[in-house]
Amino acid sequence: MLSWAITFLIIAIIAAVLGFGGIAGTATGIAKILFVVFLVLFVASLIFGRGRGPRI
């Protein structure tokens, strides 16, 4: 998930440098959404994964 966010961020930077404002804005929005989803899933995995003890 994080790799997709970084990919869209790189696409947005390249599009902004080349002058494609609409594509850059769209790619930036997608990157932000994917990063927030990544953060939510990461925090959820930390919280719910901590409840399990070591299996013996």
PDB file of N, CA and C in Angstrom:
ATOM      1  N   MET A   1       0.828  -1.187   0.000  1.00  0.00           N
ATOM      2  CA  MET A   1       0.000   0.000   0.000  1.00  0.00           C
ATOM      3  C   MET A   1       0.873   1.252   0.000  1.00  0.00           C
ATOM      4  N   LEU A   2       1.912   1.214   0.818  1.00  0.00           N
ATOM      5  CA  LEU A   2       2.792   2.378   0.880  1.00  0.00           C
ATOM      6  C   LEU A   2       3.549   2.557  -0.433  1.00  0.00           C
ATOM      7  N   SER A   3       3.877   1.462  -1.086  1.00  0.00           N
ATOM      8  CA  SER A   3       4.588   1.579  -2.364  1.00  0.00           C
ATOM      9  C   SER A   3       3.712   2.241  -3.431  1.00  0.00           C
ATOM     10  N   TRP A   4       2.414   1.962  -3.399  1.00  0.00           N
ATOM     11  CA  TRP A   4       1.505   2.615  -4.351  1.00  0.00           C
ATOM     12  C   TRP A   4       1.420   4.109  -4.070  1.00  0.00           C
ATOM     13  N   ALA A   5       1.376   4.487  -2.792  1.00  0.00           N
ATOM     14  CA  ALA A   5       1.322   5.909  -2.441  1.00  0.00           C
ATOM     15  C   ALA A   5       2.581   6.628  -2.911  1.00  0.00           C
ATOM     16  N   ILE A   6       3.737   5.997  -2.717  1.00  0.00           N
ATOM     17  CA  ILE A   6       4.990   6.603  -3.167  1.00  0.00           C
ATOM     18  C   ILE A   6       5.029   6.696  -4.691  1.00  0.00           C
ATOM     19  N   THR A   7       4.517   5.671  -5.369  1.00  0.00           N
ATOM     20  CA  THR A   7       4.475   5.686  -6.827  1.00  0.00           C
ATOM     21  C   THR A   7       3.626   6.846  -7.347  1.00  0.00           C
ATOM     22  N   PHE A   8       2.443   7.030  -6.773  1.00  0.00           N
ATOM     23  CA  PHE A   8       1.583   8.132  -7.208  1.00  0.00           C
ATOM     24  C   PHE A   8       2.185   9.482  -6.854  1.00  0.00           C
ATOM     25  N   LEU A   9       2.922   9.551  -5.756  1.00  0.00           N
ATOM     26  CA  LEU A   9       3.586  10.798  -5.401  1.00  0.00           C
ATOM     27  C   LEU A   9       4.666  11.138  -6.414  1.00  0.00           C
ATOM     28  N   ILE A  10       5.432  10.149  -6.840  1.00  0.00           N
ATOM     29  CA  ILE A  10       6.462  10.376  -7.846  1.00  0.00           C
ATOM     30  C   ILE A  10       5.838  10.787  -9.177  1.00  0.00           C
ATOM     31  N   ILE A  11       4.728  10.141  -9.545  1.00  0.00           N
ATOM     32  CA  ILE A  11       4.010  10.521 -10.771  1.00  0.00           C
ATOM     33  C   ILE A  11       3.531  11.963 -10.677  1.00  0.00           C
ATOM     34  N   ALA A  12       3.041  12.364  -9.505  1.00  0.00           N
ATOM     35  CA  ALA A  12       2.564  13.732  -9.321  1.00  0.00           C
ATOM     36  C   ALA A  12       3.704  14.739  -9.440  1.00  0.00           C
ATOM     37  N   ILE A  13       4.857  14.410  -8.879  1.00  0.00           N
ATOM     38  CA  ILE A  13       5.997  15.328  -8.958  1.00  0.00           C
ATOM     39  C   ILE A  13       6.465  15.480 -10.407  1.00  0.00           C
ATOM     40  N   ILE A  14       6.563  14.365 -11.125  1.00  0.00           N
ATOM     41  CA  ILE A  14       6.991  14.424 -12.524  1.00  0.00           C
ATOM     42  C   ILE A  14       5.983  15.199 -13.364  1.00  0.00           C
ATOM     43  N   ALA A  15       4.696  14.956 -13.141  1.00  0.00           N
ATOM     44  CA  ALA A  15       3.666  15.670 -13.903  1.00  0.00           C
ATOM     45  C   ALA A  15       3.680  17.161 -13.583  1.00  0.00           C
ATOM     46  N   ALA A  16       3.944  17.514 -12.329  1.00  0.00           N
ATOM     47  CA  ALA A  16       3.995  18.930 -11.963  1.00  0.00           C
ATOM     48  C   ALA A  16       5.189  19.624 -12.617  1.00  0.00           C
ATOM     49  N   VAL A  17       6.326  18.934 -12.661  1.00  0.00           N
ATOM     50  CA  VAL A  17       7.515  19.512 -13.296  1.00  0.00           C
ATOM     51  C   VAL A  17       7.277  19.724 -14.792  1.00  0.00           C
ATOM     52  N   LEU A  18       6.581  18.803 -15.408  1.00  0.00           N
ATOM     53  CA  LEU A  18       6.312  18.907 -16.838  1.00  0.00           C
ATOM     54  C   LEU A  18       5.135  19.827 -17.170  1.00  0.00           C
ATOM     55  N   GLY A  19       4.410  20.293 -16.150  1.00  0.00           N
ATOM     56  CA  GLY A  19       3.352  21.260 -16.387  1.00  0.00           C
ATOM     57  C   GLY A  19       1.957  20.681 -16.520  1.00  0.00           C
ATOM     58  N   PHE A  20       1.776  19.424 -16.204  1.00  0.00           N
ATOM     59  CA  PHE A  20       0.450  18.809 -16.266  1.00  0.00           C
ATOM     60  C   PHE A  20      -0.238  18.961 -14.905  1.00  0.00           C
ATOM     61  N   GLY A  21      -0.893  20.088 -14.692  1.00  0.00           N
ATOM     62  CA  GLY A  21      -1.474  20.408 -13.387  1.00  0.00           C
ATOM     63  C   GLY A  21      -2.607  19.494 -12.981  1.00  0.00           C
ATOM     64  N   GLY A  22      -3.460  19.138 -13.937  1.00  0.00           N
ATOM     65  CA  GLY A  22      -4.607  18.284 -13.602  1.00  0.00           C
ATOM     66  C   GLY A  22      -4.189  16.889 -13.193  1.00  0.00           C
ATOM     67  N   ILE A  23      -3.265  16.333 -13.934  1.00  0.00           N
ATOM     68  CA  ILE A  23      -2.778  14.987 -13.612  1.00  0.00           C
ATOM     69  C   ILE A  23      -2.018  15.009 -12.295  1.00  0.00           C
ATOM     70  N   ALA A  24      -1.237  16.064 -12.068  1.00  0.00           N
ATOM     71  CA  ALA A  24      -0.470  16.179 -10.826  1.00  0.00           C
ATOM     72  C   ALA A  24      -1.404  16.278  -9.627  1.00  0.00           C
ATOM     73  N   GLY A  25      -2.457  17.037  -9.755  1.00  0.00           N
ATOM     74  CA  GLY A  25      -3.415  17.174  -8.651  1.00  0.00           C
ATOM     75  C   GLY A  25      -4.143  15.871  -8.348  1.00  0.00           C
ATOM     76  N   THR A  26      -4.527  15.183  -9.405  1.00  0.00           N
ATOM     77  CA  THR A  26      -5.211  13.903  -9.232  1.00  0.00           C
ATOM     78  C   THR A  26      -4.295  12.866  -8.598  1.00  0.00           C
ATOM     79  N   ALA A  27      -3.059  12.781  -9.082  1.00  0.00           N
ATOM     80  CA  ALA A  27      -2.109  11.821  -8.525  1.00  0.00           C
ATOM     81  C   ALA A  27      -1.794  12.147  -7.077  1.00  0.00           C
ATOM     82  N   THR A  28      -1.708  13.425  -6.739  1.00  0.00           N
ATOM     83  CA  THR A  28      -1.464  13.825  -5.352  1.00  0.00           C
ATOM     84  C   THR A  28      -2.631  13.421  -4.462  1.00  0.00           C
ATOM     85  N   GLY A  29      -3.843  13.613  -4.940  1.00  0.00           N
ATOM     86  CA  GLY A  29      -5.021  13.206  -4.158  1.00  0.00           C
ATOM     87  C   GLY A  29      -5.063  11.707  -3.922  1.00  0.00           C
ATOM     88  N   ILE A  30      -4.750  10.933  -4.941  1.00  0.00           N
ATOM     89  CA  ILE A  30      -4.727   9.474  -4.801  1.00  0.00           C
ATOM     90  C   ILE A  30      -3.636   9.065  -3.818  1.00  0.00           C
ATOM     91  N   ALA A  31      -2.469   9.708  -3.904  1.00  0.00           N
ATOM     92  CA  ALA A  31      -1.372   9.383  -2.996  1.00  0.00           C
ATOM     93  C   ALA A  31      -1.744   9.684  -1.554  1.00  0.00           C
ATOM     94  N   LYS A  32      -2.437  10.791  -1.319  1.00  0.00           N
ATOM     95  CA  LYS A  32      -2.870  11.136   0.041  1.00  0.00           C
ATOM     96  C   LYS A  32      -3.851  10.101   0.580  1.00  0.00           C
ATOM     97  N   ILE A  33      -4.809   9.702  -0.246  1.00  0.00           N
ATOM     98  CA  ILE A  33      -5.803   8.715   0.191  1.00  0.00           C
ATOM     99  C   ILE A  33      -5.137   7.386   0.509  1.00  0.00           C
ATOM    100  N   LEU A  34      -4.236   6.935  -0.352  1.00  0.00           N
ATOM    101  CA  LEU A  34      -3.547   5.667  -0.116  1.00  0.00           C
ATOM    102  C   LEU A  34      -2.674   5.727   1.129  1.00  0.00           C
ATOM    103  N   PHE A  35      -2.046   6.878   1.385  1.00  0.00           N
ATOM    104  CA  PHE A  35      -1.217   7.007   2.571  1.00  0.00           C
ATOM    105  C   PHE A  35      -2.056   6.960   3.836  1.00  0.00           C
ATOM    106  N   VAL A  36      -3.218   7.591   3.827  1.00  0.00           N
ATOM    107  CA  VAL A  36      -4.105   7.547   4.993  1.00  0.00           C
ATOM    108  C   VAL A  36      -4.611   6.126   5.221  1.00  0.00           C
ATOM    109  N   VAL A  37      -4.971   5.421   4.160  1.00  0.00           N
ATOM    110  CA  VAL A  37      -5.407   4.026   4.295  1.00  0.00           C
ATOM    111  C   VAL A  37      -4.281   3.177   4.865  1.00  0.00           C
ATOM    112  N   PHE A  38      -3.047   3.405   4.387  1.00  0.00           N
ATOM    113  CA  PHE A  38      -1.895   2.683   4.919  1.00  0.00           C
ATOM    114  C   PHE A  38      -1.729   2.947   6.410  1.00  0.00           C
ATOM    115  N   LEU A  39      -1.833   4.210   6.821  1.00  0.00           N
ATOM    116  CA  LEU A  39      -1.678   4.535   8.235  1.00  0.00           C
ATOM    117  C   LEU A  39      -2.752   3.888   9.092  1.00  0.00           C
ATOM    118  N   VAL A  40      -3.989   3.903   8.632  1.00  0.00           N
ATOM    119  CA  VAL A  40      -5.086   3.294   9.392  1.00  0.00           C
ATOM    120  C   VAL A  40      -4.862   1.790   9.535  1.00  0.00           C
ATOM    121  N   LEU A  41      -4.502   1.125   8.453  1.00  0.00           N
ATOM    122  CA  LEU A  41      -4.257  -0.313   8.519  1.00  0.00           C
ATOM    123  C   LEU A  41      -3.047  -0.644   9.383  1.00  0.00           C
ATOM    124  N   PHE A  42      -2.010   0.192   9.340  1.00  0.00           N
ATOM    125  CA  PHE A  42      -0.824  -0.024  10.161  1.00  0.00           C
ATOM    126  C   PHE A  42      -1.148   0.100  11.642  1.00  0.00           C
ATOM    127  N   VAL A  43      -1.888   1.146  12.017  1.00  0.00           N
ATOM    128  CA  VAL A  43      -2.255   1.328  13.422  1.00  0.00           C
ATOM    129  C   VAL A  43      -3.180   0.208  13.883  1.00  0.00           C
ATOM    130  N   ALA A  44      -4.114  -0.207  13.032  1.00  0.00           N
ATOM    131  CA  ALA A  44      -5.010  -1.304  13.392  1.00  0.00           C
ATOM    132  C   ALA A  44      -4.236  -2.600  13.594  1.00  0.00           C
ATOM    133  N   SER A  45      -3.249  -2.849  12.759  1.00  0.00           N
ATOM    134  CA  SER A  45      -2.458  -4.073  12.931  1.00  0.00           C
ATOM    135  C   SER A  45      -1.612  -4.012  14.195  1.00  0.00           C
ATOM    136  N   LEU A  46      -1.153  -2.831  14.546  1.00  0.00           N
ATOM    137  CA  LEU A  46      -0.408  -2.699  15.805  1.00  0.00           C
ATOM    138  C   LEU A  46      -1.305  -2.952  17.014  1.00  0.00           C
ATOM    139  N   ILE A  47      -2.512  -2.418  16.972  1.00  0.00           N
ATOM    140  CA  ILE A  47      -3.426  -2.550  18.109  1.00  0.00           C
ATOM    141  C   ILE A  47      -3.922  -3.985  18.243  1.00  0.00           C
ATOM    142  N   PHE A  48      -4.397  -4.557  17.154  1.00  0.00           N
ATOM    143  CA  PHE A  48      -4.983  -5.897  17.231  1.00  0.00           C
ATOM    144  C   PHE A  48      -3.927  -6.993  17.278  1.00  0.00           C
ATOM    145  N   GLY A  49      -2.770  -6.748  16.765  1.00  0.00           N
ATOM    146  CA  GLY A  49      -1.704  -7.737  16.810  1.00  0.00           C
ATOM    147  C   GLY A  49      -1.064  -7.847  18.181  1.00  0.00           C
ATOM    148  N   ARG A  50      -1.175  -6.802  18.977  1.00  0.00           N
ATOM    149  CA  ARG A  50      -0.576  -6.772  20.295  1.00  0.00           C
ATOM    150  C   ARG A  50      -1.338  -7.640  21.283  1.00  0.00           C
ATOM    151  N   GLY A  51      -2.595  -7.910  21.034  1.00  0.00           N
ATOM    152  CA  GLY A  51      -3.412  -8.680  21.970  1.00  0.00           C
ATOM    153  C   GLY A  51      -3.033 -10.161  22.015  1.00  0.00           C
ATOM    154  N   ARG A  52      -2.342 -10.643  21.024  1.00  0.00           N
ATOM    155  CA  ARG A  52      -1.977 -12.047  20.980  1.00  0.00           C
ATOM    156  C   ARG A  52      -0.676 -12.279  21.731  1.00  0.00           C
ATOM    157  N   GLY A  53      -0.674 -13.274  22.561  1.00  0.00           N
ATOM    158  CA  GLY A  53       0.539 -13.632  23.264  1.00  0.00           C
ATOM    159  C   GLY A  53       1.373 -14.599  22.453  1.00  0.00           C
ATOM    160  N   PRO A  54       2.539 -14.924  22.948  1.00  0.00           N
ATOM    161  CA  PRO A  54       3.365 -15.887  22.207  1.00  0.00           C
ATOM    162  C   PRO A  54       2.774 -17.282  22.232  1.00  0.00           C
ATOM    163  N   ARG A  55       2.801 -17.945  21.098  1.00  0.00           N
ATOM    164  CA  ARG A  55       2.251 -19.292  21.026  1.00  0.00           C
ATOM    165  C   ARG A  55       3.320 -20.295  21.434  1.00  0.00           C
ATOM    166  N   ILE A  56       2.945 -21.146  22.337  1.00  0.00           N
ATOM    167  CA  ILE A  56       3.890 -22.150  22.835  1.00  0.00           C
ATOM    168  C   ILE A  56       3.448 -23.529  22.426  1.00  0.00           C
TER     169      ILE A  56
END
